[in-house]
Amino acid sequence: MNSIEVTIMGQGYRLVCPEGGEAPLQAAAAAVDREMSAIRDAGKVKARERIAVLAALNLAFAQAERPAAAAQSAGTGDVDVEALIKRIDQALGADGQLL
């Protein structure tokens, strides 16, 4: 495991990541910093915690939109249901129960 130092909204954080994960983690931290800074600079939200939550929601929403946008641009809105069922089965494991 390696550790890297990142800065988000002027505050430093030391993060641990697996070997070879430094660049993706740096990129993720930069995205979080950009998003949080944009929310702060808009001036409507002052509390760091609220800024962090809004940034997390914005980034998660953008991530969720990417597969849908890719499917639409490919000319197909169909979802591979079989692949989704397989992924769900793998996630549930031998238990087979969500709860």
Protein backbone atom coordinates (compact mmCIF):
# COMPACT_ATOMS: atom_id res chain seq x y z
CA MET A 1 0.00 0.00 0.00
CA ASN A 2 1.17 3.48 -0.87
CA SER A 3 0.07 6.78 0.59
CA ILE A 4 -0.36 10.03 -1.23
CA GLU A 5 -1.06 13.60 -0.15
CA VAL A 6 -3.95 15.44 -1.79
CA THR A 7 -5.39 18.90 -1.24
CA ILE A 8 -9.10 19.56 -1.32
CA MET A 9 -10.33 23.12 -0.81
CA GLY A 10 -6.97 24.09 0.66
CA GLN A 11 -6.88 21.29 3.21
CA GLY A 12 -4.36 18.46 2.95
CA TYR A 13 -5.30 14.81 3.30
CA ARG A 14 -3.03 11.76 3.42
CA LEU A 15 -4.70 8.83 1.68
CA VAL A 16 -3.69 5.19 1.40
CA CYS A 17 -4.10 3.44 -1.93
CA PRO A 18 -3.02 0.15 -3.53
CA GLU A 19 0.07 -0.08 -5.72
CA GLY A 20 -0.65 1.57 -9.05
CA GLY A 21 -3.70 3.39 -7.71
CA GLU A 22 -1.99 6.72 -7.19
CA ALA A 23 -2.98 8.34 -10.49
CA PRO A 24 -6.68 7.39 -10.32
CA LEU A 25 -6.84 8.54 -6.69
CA GLN A 26 -5.14 11.84 -7.58
CA ALA A 27 -7.65 12.31 -10.42
CA ALA A 28 -10.57 11.56 -8.10
CA ALA A 29 -9.26 14.02 -5.50
CA ALA A 30 -8.85 16.68 -8.18
CA ALA A 31 -12.45 16.14 -9.32
CA VAL A 32 -13.70 16.43 -5.73
CA ASP A 33 -11.62 19.59 -5.23
CA ARG A 34 -13.01 21.16 -8.43
CA GLU A 35 -16.59 20.29 -7.53
CA MET A 36 -16.34 21.47 -3.93
CA SER A 37 -14.55 24.68 -4.95
CA ALA A 38 -17.21 25.45 -7.56
CA ILE A 39 -19.98 25.02 -4.97
CA ARG A 40 -18.10 27.18 -2.46
CA ASP A 41 -17.35 29.85 -5.07
CA ALA A 42 -21.03 30.03 -6.06
CA GLY A 43 -21.49 31.48 -2.56
CA LYS A 44 -24.78 29.85 -1.67
CA VAL A 45 -23.38 27.21 0.69
CA LYS A 46 -20.80 27.98 3.37
CA ALA A 47 -20.48 24.87 5.57
CA ARG A 48 -17.75 22.45 4.40
CA GLU A 49 -19.89 19.44 5.32
CA ARG A 50 -22.80 20.61 3.16
CA ILE A 51 -20.42 21.48 0.33
CA ALA A 52 -18.93 17.96 0.57
CA VAL A 53 -22.36 16.31 0.48
CA LEU A 54 -23.49 18.39 -2.50
CA ALA A 55 -20.24 17.68 -4.34
CA ALA A 56 -20.59 13.95 -3.65
CA LEU A 57 -24.15 13.96 -4.98
CA ASN A 58 -23.15 15.93 -8.09
CA LEU A 59 -20.26 13.56 -8.85
CA ALA A 60 -22.36 10.45 -8.21
CA PHE A 61 -25.14 11.77 -10.43
CA ALA A 62 -22.67 12.54 -13.22
CA GLN A 63 -21.21 9.03 -12.88
CA ALA A 64 -24.67 7.46 -13.04
CA GLU A 65 -25.53 9.44 -16.18
CA ARG A 66 -22.45 8.29 -18.12
CA PRO A 67 -23.60 4.71 -18.88
CA ALA A 68 -27.05 5.96 -19.89
CA ALA A 69 -25.57 8.61 -22.17
CA ALA A 70 -23.19 6.08 -23.72
CA ALA A 71 -26.06 3.69 -24.43
CA GLN A 72 -28.12 6.44 -26.04
CA SER A 73 -25.24 7.69 -28.17
CA ALA A 74 -24.66 4.14 -29.36
CA GLY A 75 -28.22 4.19 -30.64
CA THR A 76 -29.50 1.66 -28.15
CA GLY A 77 -31.38 2.35 -24.96
CA ASP A 78 -31.72 -1.34 -24.21
CA VAL A 79 -30.28 -2.66 -21.00
CA ASP A 80 -28.53 -6.02 -20.94
CA VAL A 81 -30.87 -7.54 -18.38
CA GLU A 82 -29.11 -10.89 -18.34
CA ALA A 83 -25.79 -9.25 -17.49
CA LEU A 84 -27.45 -7.25 -14.71
CA ILE A 85 -29.06 -10.36 -13.25
CA LYS A 86 -25.69 -12.13 -13.34
CA ARG A 87 -24.03 -9.21 -11.51
CA ILE A 88 -26.79 -9.19 -8.88
CA ASP A 89 -26.44 -12.95 -8.38
CA GLN A 90 -22.68 -12.56 -7.92
CA ALA A 91 -23.17 -9.73 -5.44
CA LEU A 92 -25.67 -11.72 -3.42
CA GLY A 93 -23.40 -14.74 -3.37
CA ALA A 94 -24.51 -18.03 -1.91
CA ASP A 95 -26.95 -16.33 0.48
CA GLY A 96 -29.28 -15.21 -2.31
CA GLN A 97 -30.94 -12.68 -0.01
CA LEU A 98 -30.77 -8.90 -0.14
CA LEU A 99 -31.59 -8.52 3.55
